[in-house]
Amino acid sequence: MSPLDVSRVQRRTLSLLFMTQVVGGSGVAMGIAVGALLAAAMGGAGVSGLAASASVVGGALLAVPATRLIRSRGRRPGLVFAYACGVCGALVVVTAAAIGSVALLFVGMALFGGGSAANLQARYAAADLSGPDRRARHLSLIVWATTLGSVAGPNLAPLADRYAHRSGLPTYTGPFVISAVAFTVVALVIAAALRPDPLLVAREVGRDAVPAGSAAGPDAGPVAGPDAAPAAGLREAARAVRAVPAARLGVSAVAVGHLVMVGVMSMTPVHIGGYVHGDVLRVVGVVLSLHIGGMYALSPLVGWLTDRLGRRQVILGGLATLLVACAVAGTAGHHTPRLGLGLGLLGVGWSGTMIAGSTLLSESVGTVVRPAVQGLSDLVMGLSGAFAGAMSGLVVSWSGYPTLTLLAAIATVPLIALALRSVPALAISEGSRECG
């Protein structure tokens, strides 16, 4: 396939992924927005937080079979599988609400996490055929598309719920019906239109993302290239990550950034509720909107900086921003504007570690082993977020919100040390530049 043909496939892939990410992202956001409310209505406030946790853990675990499919058959089957799990999960949630089964609700939310897994895997598909000088920008474009879906989804939830009520469905199930429709549409579009498959094309033309030693800066170590044995599972993927310093940094950046973000963000509404009297939901909505804006709205700029300055430099910048965010939020007290600033910075820091870490990981291993390593990264990220969400409540109840932000800041220290460690650069040949 000629370079011109590869460029045409990449443009088509980006356009398709952008559109499906908006629709799929709205489906995910709609379900997550009302999942806790549905759980509280069925099982009480004590179990409401478990709905989101079930979705996060489910998404992390479903990334494993999805990446097995991606490794053996390409991006298209893996994405379709993940979205299909999301469809099944949404329908199981509706069934659970209809029969009043809380246990079945959590099963449904775990399967619903397949939609999140697909959204996350889409960012890697955007990087398969990118050159090293544009890889982060292409990846960040797909991350940015999530912004539109995240904003649209929750705003459509009340309309969907009113429709469900008129149709005789239980309260809070309408958004899940719409999510099921959205995931179905996206799965069908990807199955029909993501052709040729970007990962299979990358293997065909030998586009083994070679690492960041060029435009990305001195970030990479040895690469598991096209001769690497196919990874059969998590153990082999972990072995591949351990063998490449840049891959270790990429996985760690994504996981730690997500852990800090989820840990602080998940308890912020509780903290606000402790001092705001009156319209708590309005204040929470404003603060979390600033946070989501920080996560996604600036992602194209973060991607540009990642390509311009280097992967490791942006990871360090993201970590510095997370530290500032923890300091601002932790000392905000009852000053809501300052808390909103802290949460906005928290989102920006997450964006830096997510985009730069994902880009570095993708180009640090060859196309054969890459899907398994990416799946491992998403699994570790999801489990880190679930752990942070579970522990944050205990920390706040034990010692308060400022202690939580302090512990979150301390959690970045090992990653800072890893990122500052000297990593040997890897030169990229002109041929690799054309194919990478």
Protein backbone atom coordinates (compact mmCIF):
# COMPACT_ATOMS: atom_id res chain seq x y z
CA MET A 1 0.00 0.00 0.00
CA SER A 2 1.46 3.38 -1.00
CA PRO A 3 2.03 6.21 1.48
CA LEU A 4 -0.81 8.11 -0.20
CA ASP A 5 -3.19 5.20 0.35
CA VAL A 6 -2.12 4.89 3.98
CA SER A 7 -2.75 8.62 4.49
CA ARG A 8 -6.21 8.27 2.95
CA VAL A 9 -7.06 5.34 5.23
CA GLN A 10 -5.88 7.33 8.25
CA ARG A 11 -8.06 10.34 7.37
CA ARG A 12 -11.07 8.09 6.91
CA THR A 13 -10.32 6.29 10.18
CA LEU A 14 -10.06 9.54 12.14
CA SER A 15 -13.32 10.89 10.72
CA LEU A 16 -15.16 7.69 11.51
CA LEU A 17 -13.74 7.38 15.02
CA PHE A 18 -14.54 11.00 15.79
CA MET A 19 -18.21 10.61 14.84
CA THR A 20 -18.66 7.29 16.62
CA GLN A 21 -16.86 8.61 19.70
CA VAL A 22 -19.36 11.46 20.02
CA VAL A 23 -22.33 9.08 19.83
CA GLY A 24 -20.75 6.36 21.95
CA GLY A 25 -19.50 8.89 24.50
CA SER A 26 -22.98 10.32 24.92
CA GLY A 27 -24.29 6.80 25.59
CA VAL A 28 -21.65 6.20 28.25
CA ALA A 29 -22.18 9.57 29.94
CA MET A 30 -25.96 9.17 29.94
CA GLY A 31 -25.81 5.83 31.72
CA ILE A 32 -23.16 6.88 34.22
CA ALA A 33 -25.11 10.06 35.01
CA VAL A 34 -28.16 8.13 36.26
CA GLY A 35 -26.60 4.80 37.31
CA ALA A 36 -26.01 5.95 40.90
CA LEU A 37 -29.53 7.42 41.09
CA LEU A 38 -31.05 4.15 39.90
CA ALA A 39 -28.98 2.14 42.38
CA ALA A 40 -30.01 4.47 45.21
CA ALA A 41 -33.67 4.18 44.24
CA MET A 42 -33.47 0.39 44.21
CA GLY A 43 -31.09 -0.35 47.09
CA GLY A 44 -30.64 2.84 49.08
CA ALA A 45 -27.95 5.50 49.21
CA GLY A 46 -25.46 3.06 50.72
CA VAL A 47 -25.08 1.13 47.47
CA SER A 48 -25.36 4.04 45.04
CA GLY A 49 -21.61 4.42 44.62
CA LEU A 50 -21.22 0.76 43.69
CA ALA A 51 -22.97 1.35 40.36
CA ALA A 52 -20.14 3.50 39.04
CA SER A 53 -17.55 1.15 40.55
CA ALA A 54 -19.17 -1.82 38.81
CA SER A 55 -19.04 0.03 35.50
CA VAL A 56 -15.37 0.97 35.95
CA VAL A 57 -14.31 -2.54 36.94
CA GLY A 58 -16.44 -4.08 34.19
CA GLY A 59 -14.88 -1.81 31.58
CA ALA A 60 -11.39 -2.70 32.78
CA LEU A 61 -12.06 -6.45 32.69
CA LEU A 62 -13.85 -6.34 29.33
CA ALA A 63 -10.81 -4.64 27.83
CA VAL A 64 -9.00 -8.00 28.11
CA PRO A 65 -11.20 -10.07 25.73
CA ALA A 66 -11.65 -7.02 23.50
CA THR A 67 -7.91 -6.70 23.01
CA ARG A 68 -7.61 -10.44 22.37
CA LEU A 69 -9.95 -9.94 19.43
CA ILE A 70 -8.05 -6.85 18.34
CA ARG A 71 -4.74 -8.71 18.44
CA SER A 72 -5.98 -11.62 16.36
CA ARG A 73 -8.48 -9.94 14.01
CA GLY A 74 -7.98 -6.18 14.12
CA ARG A 75 -9.53 -3.11 15.72
CA ARG A 76 -12.98 -3.52 14.17
CA PRO A 77 -14.03 -6.81 15.84
CA GLY A 78 -12.68 -5.71 19.22
CA LEU A 79 -14.55 -2.40 19.19
CA VAL A 80 -17.76 -4.05 18.02
CA PHE A 81 -17.48 -6.65 20.79
CA ALA A 82 -17.00 -3.99 23.48
CA TYR A 83 -19.95 -1.92 22.27
CA ALA A 84 -22.08 -5.09 22.06
CA CYS A 85 -21.29 -5.76 25.72
CA GLY A 86 -22.41 -2.22 26.46
CA VAL A 87 -25.72 -2.88 24.68
CA CYS A 88 -26.28 -6.05 26.68
CA GLY A 89 -25.40 -4.25 29.89
CA ALA A 90 -27.88 -1.44 29.25
CA LEU A 91 -30.67 -3.94 28.57
CA VAL A 92 -29.76 -5.94 31.69
CA VAL A 93 -29.97 -2.73 33.75
CA VAL A 94 -33.46 -2.04 32.41
CA THR A 95 -34.48 -5.63 33.19
CA ALA A 96 -33.01 -5.38 36.70
CA ALA A 97 -35.01 -2.22 37.38
CA ALA A 98 -38.18 -3.85 36.08
CA ILE A 99 -37.86 -6.86 38.40
CA GLY A 100 -36.26 -4.99 41.30
CA SER A 101 -33.00 -6.94 41.44
CA VAL A 102 -30.06 -4.93 42.79
CA ALA A 103 -27.61 -7.78 42.14
CA LEU A 104 -28.65 -7.94 38.49
CA LEU A 105 -28.31 -4.16 38.30
CA PHE A 106 -24.62 -4.40 39.19
CA VAL A 107 -24.12 -7.16 36.63
CA GLY A 108 -25.69 -4.91 34.04
CA MET A 109 -23.51 -1.95 35.04
CA ALA A 110 -20.41 -4.14 34.74
CA LEU A 111 -21.39 -5.12 31.21
CA PHE A 112 -22.32 -1.50 30.49
CA GLY A 113 -18.65 -0.72 31.11
CA GLY A 114 -18.01 -2.27 27.69
CA GLY A 115 -19.06 1.07 26.19
CA SER A 116 -16.35 2.81 28.21
CA ALA A 117 -13.82 0.16 27.18
CA ALA A 118 -14.64 0.76 23.51
CA ASN A 119 -14.35 4.53 23.93
CA LEU A 120 -10.91 4.11 25.48
CA GLN A 121 -9.70 1.62 22.86
CA ALA A 122 -10.75 3.99 20.06
CA ARG A 123 -7.92 6.37 20.97
CA TYR A 124 -5.39 3.66 20.16
CA ALA A 125 -7.01 2.96 16.79
CA ALA A 126 -6.43 6.61 15.92
CA ALA A 127 -2.68 6.17 16.43
CA ASP A 128 -2.13 2.99 14.40
CA LEU A 129 -1.32 4.77 11.13
CA SER A 130 -0.06 8.09 12.47
CA GLY A 131 3.43 9.39 11.90
CA PRO A 132 5.50 10.05 15.05
CA ASP A 133 5.17 13.82 14.61
CA ARG A 134 1.34 13.66 14.63
CA ARG A 135 0.57 10.58 16.67
CA ALA A 136 -0.34 12.39 19.89
CA ARG A 137 -2.49 14.93 18.04
CA HIS A 138 -4.48 12.22 16.32
CA LEU A 139 -4.95 10.35 19.59
CA SER A 140 -5.97 13.54 21.40
CA LEU A 141 -8.53 14.37 18.70
CA ILE A 142 -10.45 11.21 19.56
CA VAL A 143 -10.14 11.97 23.28
CA TRP A 144 -11.51 15.47 22.58
CA ALA A 145 -14.52 14.03 20.75
CA THR A 146 -15.53 12.50 24.08
CA THR A 147 -16.17 16.06 25.30
CA LEU A 148 -19.12 16.46 22.98
CA GLY A 149 -20.62 13.16 24.05
CA SER A 150 -19.99 13.82 27.74
CA VAL A 151 -21.81 17.14 27.52
CA ALA A 152 -24.68 15.89 25.38
CA GLY A 153 -25.36 12.65 27.26
CA PRO A 154 -26.38 13.95 30.70
CA ASN A 155 -28.45 16.73 29.12
CA LEU A 156 -30.42 14.15 27.12
CA ALA A 157 -31.01 11.98 30.20
CA PRO A 158 -34.12 13.87 31.50
CA LEU A 159 -35.79 13.70 28.08
CA ALA A 160 -35.02 9.98 27.81
CA ASP A 161 -36.39 9.36 31.29
CA ARG A 162 -39.66 11.16 30.50
CA TYR A 163 -40.03 9.03 27.38
CA ALA A 164 -39.44 5.87 29.41
CA HIS A 165 -42.01 6.92 31.99
CA ARG A 166 -44.65 7.43 29.29
CA SER A 167 -43.77 4.01 27.88
CA GLY A 168 -44.28 2.31 31.24
CA LEU A 169 -40.61 1.66 31.99
CA PRO A 170 -39.23 2.16 35.50
CA THR A 171 -37.80 5.55 36.51
CA TYR A 172 -34.19 6.21 35.44
CA THR A 173 -34.19 3.45 32.82
CA GLY A 174 -34.86 5.67 29.82
CA PRO A 175 -31.23 6.82 29.53
CA PHE A 176 -30.10 3.18 29.41
CA VAL A 177 -32.51 2.46 26.57
CA ILE A 178 -31.06 5.38 24.61
CA SER A 179 -27.53 4.22 25.49
CA ALA A 180 -28.35 0.77 24.11
CA VAL A 181 -29.55 2.37 20.87
CA ALA A 182 -26.44 4.58 20.67
CA PHE A 183 -24.06 1.65 21.23
CA THR A 184 -25.93 -0.44 18.65
CA VAL A 185 -25.67 2.28 16.03
CA VAL A 186 -21.97 2.80 16.71
CA ALA A 187 -21.24 -0.93 16.60
CA LEU A 188 -23.03 -1.29 13.26
CA VAL A 189 -21.25 1.72 11.77
CA ILE A 190 -17.83 0.48 12.87
CA ALA A 191 -18.56 -3.05 11.60
CA ALA A 192 -19.58 -1.70 8.21
CA ALA A 193 -17.27 1.27 7.73
CA LEU A 194 -13.99 0.72 9.60
CA ARG A 195 -12.51 -0.87 6.50
CA PRO A 196 -9.69 -1.38 5.91
CA ASP A 197 -8.84 -2.02 9.53
CA PRO A 198 -6.13 0.46 10.64
CA LEU A 199 -4.22 -2.07 12.75
CA LEU A 200 -4.16 -4.65 9.94
CA VAL A 201 -2.98 -1.97 7.51
CA ALA A 202 -0.25 -0.99 9.96
CA ARG A 203 0.93 -4.59 10.07
CA GLU A 204 0.75 -4.87 6.30
CA VAL A 205 2.92 -1.82 5.65
CA GLY A 206 5.25 -2.52 8.56
CA ARG A 207 4.21 0.57 10.48
CA ASP A 208 5.69 -0.54 13.78
CA ALA A 209 5.42 2.65 15.68
CA VAL A 210 8.93 3.26 16.54
CA PRO A 211 9.45 5.14 19.37
CA ALA A 212 9.72 8.41 20.51
CA GLY A 213 13.34 9.05 19.98
CA SER A 214 12.53 11.46 17.18
CA ALA A 215 9.79 14.00 17.40
CA ALA A 216 8.86 12.61 20.75
CA GLY A 217 12.21 13.29 22.34
CA PRO A 218 14.45 10.88 24.24
CA ASP A 219 11.65 8.89 25.73
CA ALA A 220 11.97 5.40 24.47
CA GLY A 221 14.02 2.33 25.01
CA PRO A 222 14.16 -0.88 22.98
CA VAL A 223 11.11 -1.71 20.99
CA ALA A 224 9.27 -4.98 20.70
CA GLY A 225 9.11 -4.90 16.94
CA PRO A 226 7.48 -7.00 14.23
CA ASP A 227 9.45 -10.08 15.14
CA ALA A 228 8.09 -10.19 18.68
CA ALA A 229 5.97 -13.22 19.47
CA PRO A 230 2.25 -12.51 19.69
CA ALA A 231 1.18 -11.89 23.26
CA ALA A 232 -1.24 -14.60 24.34
CA GLY A 233 -2.48 -12.80 27.40
CA LEU A 234 -1.82 -10.47 30.29
CA ARG A 235 1.31 -12.30 31.42
CA GLU A 236 3.00 -11.91 28.04
CA ALA A 237 1.84 -8.28 27.78
CA ALA A 238 3.30 -7.57 31.22
CA ARG A 239 6.57 -9.19 30.14
CA ALA A 240 6.67 -6.93 27.08
CA VAL A 241 6.08 -3.84 29.21
CA ARG A 242 8.80 -4.79 31.68
CA ALA A 243 11.26 -5.18 28.80
CA VAL A 244 10.78 -1.62 27.49
CA PRO A 245 11.44 1.37 29.80
CA ALA A 246 9.27 3.69 27.71
CA ALA A 247 6.35 1.26 27.87
CA ARG A 248 6.68 1.08 31.66
CA LEU A 249 6.54 4.85 31.83
CA GLY A 250 3.52 4.98 29.52
CA VAL A 251 1.50 2.44 31.52
CA SER A 252 2.47 4.05 34.82
CA ALA A 253 1.57 7.55 33.64
CA VAL A 254 -1.90 6.51 32.51
CA ALA A 255 -2.58 4.53 35.70
CA VAL A 256 -1.27 7.05 38.24
CA GLY A 257 -2.89 10.02 36.52
CA HIS A 258 -6.21 8.18 36.55
CA LEU A 259 -5.81 7.11 40.18
CA VAL A 260 -5.18 10.69 41.35
CA MET A 261 -7.99 12.12 39.25
CA VAL A 262 -10.64 9.59 40.31
CA GLY A 263 -9.61 9.65 43.96
CA VAL A 264 -9.96 13.42 44.33
CA MET A 265 -12.87 13.91 41.93
CA SER A 266 -15.09 11.20 43.41
CA MET A 267 -15.15 12.79 46.88
CA THR A 268 -15.45 16.40 45.76
CA PRO A 269 -19.30 16.31 45.65
CA VAL A 270 -19.31 14.93 49.20
CA HIS A 271 -16.94 17.68 50.31
CA ILE A 272 -19.15 20.33 48.70
CA GLY A 273 -22.23 18.85 50.33
CA GLY A 274 -20.59 19.30 53.71
CA TYR A 275 -20.55 23.09 53.52
CA VAL A 276 -23.03 24.18 50.84
CA HIS A 277 -26.59 24.65 52.02
CA GLY A 278 -29.34 24.90 49.44
CA ASP A 279 -28.82 23.98 45.80
CA VAL A 280 -25.95 21.53 46.27
CA LEU A 281 -26.46 19.87 42.88
CA ARG A 282 -26.03 23.17 41.07
CA VAL A 283 -22.70 23.86 42.80
CA VAL A 284 -21.54 20.28 42.21
CA GLY A 285 -22.57 20.55 38.56
CA VAL A 286 -20.54 23.73 38.02
CA VAL A 287 -17.41 22.35 39.71
CA LEU A 288 -17.57 19.02 37.87
CA SER A 289 -18.20 20.82 34.57
CA LEU A 290 -14.94 22.69 35.08
CA HIS A 291 -13.28 19.37 35.83
CA ILE A 292 -14.63 17.65 32.71
CA GLY A 293 -13.68 20.68 30.64
CA GLY A 294 -10.13 20.36 31.93
CA MET A 295 -10.07 16.66 31.08
CA TYR A 296 -11.23 16.91 27.48
CA ALA A 297 -11.56 20.45 26.13
CA LEU A 298 -7.82 21.12 26.02
CA SER A 299 -6.83 17.67 24.75
CA PRO A 300 -5.94 18.88 21.20
CA LEU A 301 -3.53 21.38 22.75
CA VAL A 302 -2.10 18.65 24.97
CA GLY A 303 -1.66 16.42 21.93
CA TRP A 304 0.12 19.19 20.02
CA LEU A 305 2.45 19.81 22.95
CA THR A 306 3.14 16.08 23.24
CA ASP A 307 4.26 15.95 19.61
CA ARG A 308 6.14 19.22 19.89
CA LEU A 309 7.90 18.90 23.25
CA GLY A 310 8.06 15.16 23.80
CA ARG A 311 6.08 12.47 25.57
CA ARG A 312 8.08 12.43 28.79
CA GLN A 313 8.08 16.21 29.09
CA VAL A 314 4.28 16.37 28.86
CA ILE A 315 3.92 13.52 31.36
CA LEU A 316 6.05 15.54 33.80
CA GLY A 317 3.98 18.63 33.03
CA GLY A 318 0.80 16.66 33.70
CA LEU A 319 2.18 15.43 37.02
CA ALA A 320 3.16 18.96 38.02
CA THR A 321 -0.36 20.12 37.20
CA LEU A 322 -1.83 17.31 39.30
CA LEU A 323 0.32 18.39 42.23
CA VAL A 324 -0.84 21.99 41.89
CA ALA A 325 -4.44 20.79 41.58
CA CYS A 326 -4.18 18.78 44.80
CA ALA A 327 -2.67 21.76 46.60
CA VAL A 328 -5.35 24.18 45.37
CA ALA A 329 -8.29 21.83 46.01
CA GLY A 330 -6.95 20.61 49.33
CA THR A 331 -6.56 24.12 50.71
CA ALA A 332 -9.74 25.56 49.18
CA GLY A 333 -11.83 24.89 52.26
CA HIS A 334 -15.28 26.41 51.71
CA HIS A 335 -14.12 28.62 48.83
CA THR A 336 -16.01 27.11 45.89
CA PRO A 337 -14.32 29.11 43.08
CA ARG A 338 -10.92 27.94 44.31
CA LEU A 339 -12.19 24.38 44.52
CA GLY A 340 -13.47 24.67 40.96
CA LEU A 341 -10.03 25.88 39.85
CA GLY A 342 -8.43 22.91 41.56
CA LEU A 343 -10.77 20.45 39.87
CA GLY A 344 -10.20 22.10 36.49
CA LEU A 345 -6.44 21.75 36.94
CA LEU A 346 -6.98 18.15 38.03
CA GLY A 347 -8.63 17.47 34.67
CA VAL A 348 -5.80 19.15 32.75
CA GLY A 349 -3.19 17.11 34.61
CA TRP A 350 -5.11 13.91 33.85
CA SER A 351 -5.21 14.88 30.17
CA GLY A 352 -1.44 15.30 30.09
CA THR A 353 -0.68 11.92 31.65
CA MET A 354 -3.39 10.14 29.63
CA ILE A 355 -2.52 11.48 26.17
CA ALA A 356 1.27 11.50 26.51
CA GLY A 357 1.30 8.17 28.35
CA SER A 358 -0.98 6.47 25.82
CA THR A 359 1.06 7.82 22.91
CA LEU A 360 4.36 6.73 24.43
CA LEU A 361 2.99 3.27 25.18
CA SER A 362 1.59 2.83 21.65
CA GLU A 363 4.87 3.63 19.94
CA SER A 364 7.10 1.75 22.36
CA VAL A 365 6.04 -1.73 21.25
CA GLY A 366 5.54 -3.32 17.84
CA THR A 367 2.22 -3.89 16.10
CA VAL A 368 2.13 -7.59 16.99
CA VAL A 369 2.24 -7.14 20.75
CA ARG A 370 0.73 -3.64 20.88
CA PRO A 371 -3.00 -4.49 21.32
CA ALA A 372 -2.32 -6.77 24.29
CA VAL A 373 -0.14 -4.14 25.95
CA GLN A 374 -2.78 -1.47 25.35
CA GLY A 375 -5.41 -3.74 26.85
CA LEU A 376 -3.20 -4.32 29.88
CA SER A 377 -2.80 -0.56 30.28
CA ASP A 378 -6.55 0.02 30.22
CA LEU A 379 -7.05 -2.81 32.71
CA VAL A 380 -4.51 -1.33 35.11
CA MET A 381 -5.99 2.13 34.62
CA GLY A 382 -9.52 0.95 35.35
CA LEU A 383 -8.55 -1.02 38.42
CA SER A 384 -6.49 1.92 39.69
CA GLY A 385 -9.51 4.19 39.32
CA ALA A 386 -11.79 1.70 41.05
CA PHE A 387 -9.32 1.34 43.93
CA ALA A 388 -8.99 5.10 44.27
CA GLY A 389 -12.75 5.58 44.25
CA ALA A 390 -13.24 2.95 46.95
CA MET A 391 -10.42 4.18 49.20
CA SER A 392 -11.23 7.88 48.85
CA GLY A 393 -14.44 7.53 50.82
CA LEU A 394 -12.61 5.82 53.68
CA VAL A 395 -9.92 8.50 53.73
CA VAL A 396 -12.42 11.36 53.78
CA SER A 397 -14.47 9.73 56.55
CA TRP A 398 -11.29 9.06 58.53
CA SER A 399 -9.40 12.32 58.13
CA GLY A 400 -11.12 14.67 55.70
CA TYR A 401 -10.82 15.97 52.15
CA PRO A 402 -7.46 17.79 52.61
CA THR A 403 -5.84 14.51 53.68
CA LEU A 404 -7.22 12.85 50.54
CA THR A 405 -5.63 15.47 48.29
CA LEU A 406 -2.33 15.13 50.19
CA LEU A 407 -2.28 11.35 49.73
CA ALA A 408 -3.18 11.79 46.05
CA ALA A 409 -0.22 14.14 45.63
CA ILE A 410 2.11 11.66 47.37
CA ALA A 411 0.93 8.93 44.97
CA THR A 412 2.59 10.80 42.08
CA VAL A 413 6.08 10.68 43.61
CA PRO A 414 7.14 7.23 42.28
CA LEU A 415 5.98 8.19 38.79
CA ILE A 416 7.89 11.47 38.93
CA ALA A 417 11.02 9.52 39.85
CA LEU A 418 10.42 7.10 36.96
CA ALA A 419 9.84 9.91 34.47
CA LEU A 420 12.98 11.76 35.56
CA ARG A 421 15.12 8.66 35.19
CA SER A 422 17.26 8.72 32.08
CA VAL A 423 15.79 6.59 29.30
CA PRO A 424 17.97 5.82 26.30
CA ALA A 425 16.82 7.36 23.06
CA LEU A 426 16.17 5.27 20.00
CA ALA A 427 17.02 6.67 16.60
CA ILE A 428 14.38 6.42 13.92
CA SER A 429 15.36 5.75 10.36
CA GLU A 430 13.80 7.61 7.48
CA GLY A 431 12.02 4.45 6.49
CA SER A 432 10.54 4.19 9.97
CA ARG A 433 9.45 7.79 9.75
CA GLU A 434 7.55 7.06 6.57
CA CYS A 435 5.93 4.00 8.08
CA GLY A 436 5.54 5.23 11.69
